[in-house]
């Protein structure tokens, strides 16, 4: 059974090219991908992740609101008993923000220039580790 991954664009950011590229790469790698579209609230993302029984959720943000939106998704998943869902992110995220995001439950951040192969490889390794 393939892993299920939600790809989501929280907040008011209107740029989804990167998220669509990642979604396509994950589909090509054999994952079942649910892309939520633009302008999702953290509540909508958490609800979709839980309803779809997803193994992971990838968040993409270019608006600068990642320090609020990404941790909120993690918090909501934990509050609803889905704290085992892997949360990873990408987009325009300053390197100095990455340690704080990881402390708040975002497992990995992929900044511009990260290859889709790197994202797929990390997700394969991380989900395999989670399953064992």
Protein backbone atom coordinates (compact mmCIF):
# COMPACT_ATOMS: atom_id res chain seq x y z
CA UNK A 1 0.00 0.00 0.00
CA UNK A 2 1.54 3.34 -0.99
CA UNK A 3 2.12 6.02 1.58
CA UNK A 4 -0.36 8.92 1.49
CA UNK A 5 1.03 12.43 1.46
CA UNK A 6 -0.91 15.69 1.73
CA UNK A 7 0.72 18.67 0.01
CA UNK A 8 -0.73 21.96 1.21
CA UNK A 9 -0.34 25.72 0.78
CA UNK A 10 -1.25 27.39 4.06
CA UNK A 11 -2.11 31.06 4.24
CA UNK A 12 -2.61 33.70 1.59
CA UNK A 13 0.41 32.83 -0.53
CA UNK A 14 -0.58 32.47 -4.18
CA UNK A 15 2.52 30.68 -5.50
CA UNK A 16 2.01 26.94 -5.93
CA UNK A 17 4.37 25.95 -8.73
CA UNK A 18 6.88 24.39 -6.32
CA UNK A 19 4.18 22.53 -4.41
CA UNK A 20 2.80 21.12 -7.67
CA UNK A 21 6.30 20.03 -8.78
CA UNK A 22 6.84 18.25 -5.45
CA UNK A 23 3.39 16.64 -5.65
CA UNK A 24 4.15 15.34 -9.15
CA UNK A 25 7.57 14.00 -8.10
CA UNK A 26 6.02 12.18 -5.15
CA UNK A 27 3.32 10.68 -7.38
CA UNK A 28 5.99 9.59 -9.85
CA UNK A 29 7.83 7.93 -6.95
CA UNK A 30 4.74 5.86 -6.11
CA UNK A 31 3.16 7.92 -3.35
CA UNK A 32 -0.54 8.67 -3.19
CA UNK A 33 -0.68 12.48 -3.12
CA UNK A 34 -3.54 14.74 -2.08
CA UNK A 35 -2.94 18.34 -3.11
CA UNK A 36 -5.21 20.71 -1.20
CA UNK A 37 -4.79 23.78 -3.39
CA UNK A 38 -4.11 27.37 -2.42
CA UNK A 39 -5.19 29.43 0.58
CA UNK A 40 -5.73 26.66 3.11
CA UNK A 41 -6.02 27.36 6.81
CA UNK A 42 -4.02 25.22 9.24
CA UNK A 43 -7.36 23.83 10.42
CA UNK A 44 -8.32 22.76 6.88
CA UNK A 45 -4.91 21.17 6.34
CA UNK A 46 -5.04 19.22 9.61
CA UNK A 47 -8.61 18.09 8.89
CA UNK A 48 -7.70 16.89 5.38
CA UNK A 49 -4.61 15.10 6.70
CA UNK A 50 -6.67 13.26 9.30
CA UNK A 51 -9.60 12.50 6.96
CA UNK A 52 -7.23 11.13 4.31
CA UNK A 53 -5.33 9.09 6.92
CA UNK A 54 -2.12 10.59 5.55
CA UNK A 55 1.33 9.44 6.62
CA UNK A 56 2.88 12.86 6.03
CA UNK A 57 2.01 16.44 5.17
CA UNK A 58 4.21 18.76 3.15
CA UNK A 59 3.64 22.49 3.64
CA UNK A 60 4.80 25.19 1.24
CA UNK A 61 4.97 28.86 2.10
CA UNK A 62 6.34 31.87 0.25
CA UNK A 63 4.51 34.57 2.20
CA UNK A 64 6.71 34.76 5.30
CA UNK A 65 4.02 33.34 7.58
CA UNK A 66 5.74 29.96 7.99
CA UNK A 67 6.72 30.59 11.64
CA UNK A 68 3.02 30.81 12.54
CA UNK A 69 1.33 28.52 10.03
CA UNK A 70 3.64 25.47 10.03
CA UNK A 71 3.72 25.00 13.84
CA UNK A 72 -0.05 25.53 13.98
CA UNK A 73 -0.57 22.54 11.66
CA UNK A 74 1.67 20.41 13.92
CA UNK A 75 -0.23 21.59 17.01
CA UNK A 76 -3.62 20.77 15.46
CA UNK A 77 -2.48 17.31 14.36
CA UNK A 78 -1.26 16.57 17.89
CA UNK A 79 -4.48 17.89 19.44
CA UNK A 80 -6.50 15.56 17.21
CA UNK A 81 -4.45 12.44 17.93
CA UNK A 82 -2.44 12.54 14.71
CA UNK A 83 0.90 13.53 16.20
CA UNK A 84 2.57 10.64 14.39
CA UNK A 85 2.04 12.30 10.98
CA UNK A 86 5.34 13.55 9.57
CA UNK A 87 5.32 17.27 8.80
CA UNK A 88 7.84 18.75 6.39
CA UNK A 89 8.01 22.09 4.67
CA UNK A 90 9.47 24.14 1.91
CA UNK A 91 9.34 27.45 0.18
CA UNK A 92 11.01 30.78 0.84
CA UNK A 93 12.18 30.13 4.38
CA UNK A 94 15.22 31.91 5.82
CA UNK A 95 17.92 29.51 7.03
CA UNK A 96 17.86 31.14 10.47
CA UNK A 97 14.19 30.11 10.90
CA UNK A 98 14.83 26.41 10.25
CA UNK A 99 16.09 25.42 13.74
CA UNK A 100 13.04 27.04 15.40
CA UNK A 101 10.69 25.26 12.99
CA UNK A 102 12.34 21.91 13.72
CA UNK A 103 12.00 22.55 17.46
CA UNK A 104 8.27 23.05 16.88
CA UNK A 105 7.76 19.72 15.11
CA UNK A 106 8.52 20.33 11.44
CA UNK A 107 10.87 17.48 10.65
CA UNK A 108 12.61 18.86 7.58
CA UNK A 109 12.67 22.06 5.55
CA UNK A 110 13.53 22.11 1.85
CA UNK A 111 14.60 25.52 0.62
CA UNK A 112 14.70 26.72 -2.99
CA UNK A 113 17.17 24.67 -4.98
CA UNK A 114 16.40 21.41 -3.16
CA UNK A 115 15.95 18.71 -5.76
CA UNK A 116 12.78 16.65 -5.92
CA UNK A 117 15.07 13.59 -5.77
CA UNK A 118 16.36 14.81 -2.39
CA UNK A 119 12.81 15.30 -1.11
CA UNK A 120 11.70 11.84 -2.31
CA UNK A 121 14.85 10.23 -0.87
CA UNK A 122 14.36 11.91 2.53
CA UNK A 123 10.68 10.96 2.65
CA UNK A 124 11.42 7.33 1.68
CA UNK A 125 14.04 7.04 4.42
CA UNK A 126 11.94 8.81 7.04
CA UNK A 127 8.75 6.85 6.38
CA UNK A 128 10.67 3.57 6.31
CA UNK A 129 12.21 4.45 9.69
CA UNK A 130 8.76 5.37 11.06
CA UNK A 131 7.28 2.03 9.91
CA UNK A 132 9.93 -0.10 11.60
